[in-house]
Amino acid sequence: MAGRGPQSFQKKLKEQQRKEKQQEKIAKRLERKRLAEASPGSDTDLDFEIQPQDAEAQQQEAETQPQEAERS
């Protein structure tokens, strides 16, 4: 008996990717919920997550702003 065709394999891969994405979404929701419960008075916007490169850029920007104020 021959193996399954390429379409079945593609469907299997697609289903695996869908399940992985669903698990990632669930994990993100739980993380946001946990953060919200940890700091109920926080004004942060939990609709987005700061990526590591974004955090570094914000840190660099925060460091350069006081220097610019001193120059003025």
N, C-alpha and C. Protein backbone atom coordinates (compact mmCIF):
# COMPACT_ATOMS: atom_id res chain seq x y z
N MET A 1 0.83 -1.17 0.00
CA MET A 1 0.00 0.00 0.00
C MET A 1 0.88 1.25 0.00
N ALA A 2 0.57 2.17 -0.83
CA ALA A 2 1.36 3.39 -0.95
C ALA A 2 1.06 4.34 0.21
N GLY A 3 1.98 5.28 0.44
CA GLY A 3 1.79 6.28 1.49
C GLY A 3 0.73 7.28 1.09
N ARG A 4 0.43 8.15 1.97
CA ARG A 4 -0.59 9.16 1.68
C ARG A 4 -0.02 10.22 0.75
N GLY A 5 -0.89 10.87 0.05
CA GLY A 5 -0.47 11.88 -0.93
C GLY A 5 0.01 13.16 -0.27
N PRO A 6 0.58 14.05 -1.06
CA PRO A 6 1.12 15.31 -0.53
C PRO A 6 0.04 16.21 0.07
N GLN A 7 -1.19 16.09 -0.43
CA GLN A 7 -2.25 16.94 0.11
C GLN A 7 -2.54 16.57 1.57
N SER A 8 -2.53 15.30 1.89
CA SER A 8 -2.77 14.88 3.26
C SER A 8 -1.66 15.38 4.17
N PHE A 9 -0.43 15.32 3.68
CA PHE A 9 0.71 15.79 4.45
C PHE A 9 0.60 17.29 4.70
N GLN A 10 0.21 18.04 3.66
CA GLN A 10 0.05 19.49 3.80
C GLN A 10 -1.05 19.82 4.80
N LYS A 11 -2.14 19.06 4.75
CA LYS A 11 -3.23 19.27 5.69
C LYS A 11 -2.76 19.01 7.12
N LYS A 12 -1.97 17.98 7.30
CA LYS A 12 -1.46 17.64 8.62
C LYS A 12 -0.57 18.77 9.15
N LEU A 13 0.33 19.28 8.28
CA LEU A 13 1.20 20.38 8.69
C LEU A 13 0.39 21.62 9.04
N LYS A 14 -0.61 21.93 8.23
CA LYS A 14 -1.45 23.09 8.48
C LYS A 14 -2.18 22.96 9.81
N GLU A 15 -2.69 21.79 10.10
CA GLU A 15 -3.40 21.54 11.36
C GLU A 15 -2.45 21.68 12.55
N GLN A 16 -1.22 21.19 12.41
CA GLN A 16 -0.24 21.33 13.48
C GLN A 16 0.09 22.80 13.73
N GLN A 17 0.28 23.56 12.65
CA GLN A 17 0.56 24.98 12.78
C GLN A 17 -0.59 25.72 13.43
N ARG A 18 -1.82 25.35 13.08
CA ARG A 18 -3.00 25.97 13.66
C ARG A 18 -3.06 25.71 15.16
N LYS A 19 -2.79 24.47 15.55
CA LYS A 19 -2.81 24.12 16.97
C LYS A 19 -1.71 24.85 17.75
N GLU A 20 -0.53 24.96 17.16
CA GLU A 20 0.57 25.66 17.81
C GLU A 20 0.23 27.14 18.01
N LYS A 21 -0.34 27.75 16.98
CA LYS A 21 -0.72 29.16 17.05
C LYS A 21 -1.80 29.35 18.12
N GLN A 22 -2.74 28.44 18.19
CA GLN A 22 -3.80 28.51 19.19
C GLN A 22 -3.22 28.41 20.60
N GLN A 23 -2.26 27.52 20.80
CA GLN A 23 -1.62 27.38 22.10
C GLN A 23 -0.85 28.65 22.48
N GLU A 24 -0.17 29.27 21.50
CA GLU A 24 0.55 30.51 21.76
C GLU A 24 -0.42 31.62 22.17
N LYS A 25 -1.55 31.70 21.50
CA LYS A 25 -2.55 32.72 21.84
C LYS A 25 -3.07 32.51 23.26
N ILE A 26 -3.33 31.26 23.61
CA ILE A 26 -3.82 30.96 24.96
C ILE A 26 -2.78 31.36 26.00
N ALA A 27 -1.52 31.04 25.72
CA ALA A 27 -0.45 31.39 26.65
C ALA A 27 -0.34 32.91 26.82
N LYS A 28 -0.46 33.66 25.71
CA LYS A 28 -0.40 35.11 25.79
C LYS A 28 -1.56 35.67 26.61
N ARG A 29 -2.76 35.13 26.38
CA ARG A 29 -3.92 35.60 27.14
C ARG A 29 -3.73 35.36 28.63
N LEU A 30 -3.25 34.17 28.99
CA LEU A 30 -3.02 33.86 30.39
C LEU A 30 -1.96 34.77 31.00
N GLU A 31 -0.93 35.07 30.23
CA GLU A 31 0.13 35.96 30.71
C GLU A 31 -0.42 37.36 30.96
N ARG A 32 -1.22 37.88 30.02
CA ARG A 32 -1.82 39.20 30.19
C ARG A 32 -2.74 39.22 31.41
N LYS A 33 -3.50 38.14 31.58
CA LYS A 33 -4.41 38.05 32.71
C LYS A 33 -3.62 38.03 34.01
N ARG A 34 -2.54 37.28 34.04
CA ARG A 34 -1.70 37.18 35.23
C ARG A 34 -1.10 38.55 35.56
N LEU A 35 -0.63 39.27 34.55
CA LEU A 35 -0.06 40.60 34.77
C LEU A 35 -1.12 41.58 35.26
N ALA A 36 -2.32 41.48 34.73
CA ALA A 36 -3.40 42.37 35.12
C ALA A 36 -3.79 42.12 36.58
N GLU A 37 -3.79 40.87 36.99
CA GLU A 37 -4.13 40.53 38.37
C GLU A 37 -3.02 40.95 39.32
N ALA A 38 -1.78 40.92 38.86
CA ALA A 38 -0.64 41.28 39.70
C ALA A 38 -0.61 42.78 39.97
N SER A 39 -1.05 43.58 39.03
CA SER A 39 -1.04 45.04 39.20
C SER A 39 -2.38 45.62 38.77
N PRO A 40 -3.40 45.54 39.62
CA PRO A 40 -4.74 46.00 39.23
C PRO A 40 -4.84 47.50 39.00
N GLY A 41 -3.99 48.32 39.61
CA GLY A 41 -4.07 49.76 39.44
C GLY A 41 -3.22 50.28 38.31
N SER A 42 -2.65 49.39 37.53
CA SER A 42 -1.74 49.79 36.47
C SER A 42 -2.50 50.41 35.30
N ASP A 43 -1.88 51.44 34.69
CA ASP A 43 -2.49 52.11 33.54
C ASP A 43 -1.95 51.57 32.22
N THR A 44 -1.20 50.49 32.26
CA THR A 44 -0.59 50.00 31.03
C THR A 44 -1.62 49.41 30.10
N ASP A 45 -1.33 49.51 28.82
CA ASP A 45 -2.19 48.96 27.78
C ASP A 45 -1.75 47.53 27.53
N LEU A 46 -2.61 46.57 27.82
CA LEU A 46 -2.24 45.16 27.71
C LEU A 46 -2.59 44.56 26.36
N ASP A 47 -2.97 45.40 25.39
CA ASP A 47 -3.32 44.88 24.08
C ASP A 47 -2.11 44.52 23.23
N PHE A 48 -0.92 44.92 23.66
CA PHE A 48 0.26 44.61 22.89
C PHE A 48 1.37 44.21 23.85
N GLU A 49 2.35 43.53 23.31
CA GLU A 49 3.50 43.13 24.10
C GLU A 49 4.73 43.82 23.53
N ILE A 50 5.61 44.27 24.40
CA ILE A 50 6.83 44.92 23.95
C ILE A 50 7.84 43.84 23.60
N GLN A 51 8.31 43.89 22.40
CA GLN A 51 9.31 42.93 21.95
C GLN A 51 10.66 43.35 22.50
N PRO A 52 11.61 42.43 22.66
CA PRO A 52 12.92 42.77 23.21
C PRO A 52 13.61 43.91 22.46
N GLN A 53 13.55 43.92 21.15
CA GLN A 53 14.20 44.99 20.41
C GLN A 53 13.50 46.31 20.66
N ASP A 54 12.18 46.31 20.89
CA ASP A 54 11.45 47.53 21.19
C ASP A 54 11.85 48.06 22.56
N ALA A 55 12.04 47.17 23.51
CA ALA A 55 12.43 47.57 24.85
C ALA A 55 13.81 48.22 24.82
N GLU A 56 14.71 47.67 24.05
CA GLU A 56 16.05 48.24 23.94
C GLU A 56 15.98 49.63 23.29
N ALA A 57 15.17 49.78 22.27
CA ALA A 57 15.03 51.07 21.59
C ALA A 57 14.45 52.10 22.55
N GLN A 58 13.47 51.71 23.35
CA GLN A 58 12.88 52.63 24.31
C GLN A 58 13.89 53.03 25.37
N GLN A 59 14.69 52.08 25.80
CA GLN A 59 15.70 52.37 26.80
C GLN A 59 16.73 53.36 26.24
N GLN A 60 17.17 53.14 25.01
CA GLN A 60 18.13 54.04 24.39
C GLN A 60 17.53 55.43 24.21
N GLU A 61 16.26 55.48 23.83
CA GLU A 61 15.59 56.76 23.65
C GLU A 61 15.48 57.49 24.98
N ALA A 62 15.18 56.78 26.04
CA ALA A 62 15.07 57.38 27.37
C ALA A 62 16.41 57.92 27.83
N GLU A 63 17.48 57.24 27.45
CA GLU A 63 18.82 57.68 27.84
C GLU A 63 19.24 58.94 27.08
N THR A 64 18.83 59.07 25.83
CA THR A 64 19.24 60.21 25.02
C THR A 64 18.40 61.46 25.30
N GLN A 65 17.17 61.32 25.75
CA GLN A 65 16.32 62.47 26.01
C GLN A 65 16.88 63.38 27.10
N PRO A 66 17.36 62.87 28.24
CA PRO A 66 17.92 63.79 29.24
C PRO A 66 19.15 64.53 28.72
N GLN A 67 19.94 63.87 27.89
CA GLN A 67 21.11 64.51 27.35
C GLN A 67 20.72 65.67 26.44
N GLU A 68 19.69 65.50 25.65
CA GLU A 68 19.21 66.55 24.75
C GLU A 68 18.66 67.73 25.55
N ALA A 69 18.03 67.46 26.69
CA ALA A 69 17.49 68.52 27.52
C ALA A 69 18.61 69.35 28.13
N GLU A 70 19.72 68.71 28.46
CA GLU A 70 20.85 69.42 29.05
C GLU A 70 21.51 70.33 28.02
N ARG A 71 21.49 69.96 26.76
CA ARG A 71 22.10 70.76 25.70
C ARG A 71 21.33 72.05 25.45
N SER A 72 20.04 72.04 25.68
CA SER A 72 19.19 73.20 25.39
C SER A 72 19.43 74.33 26.35
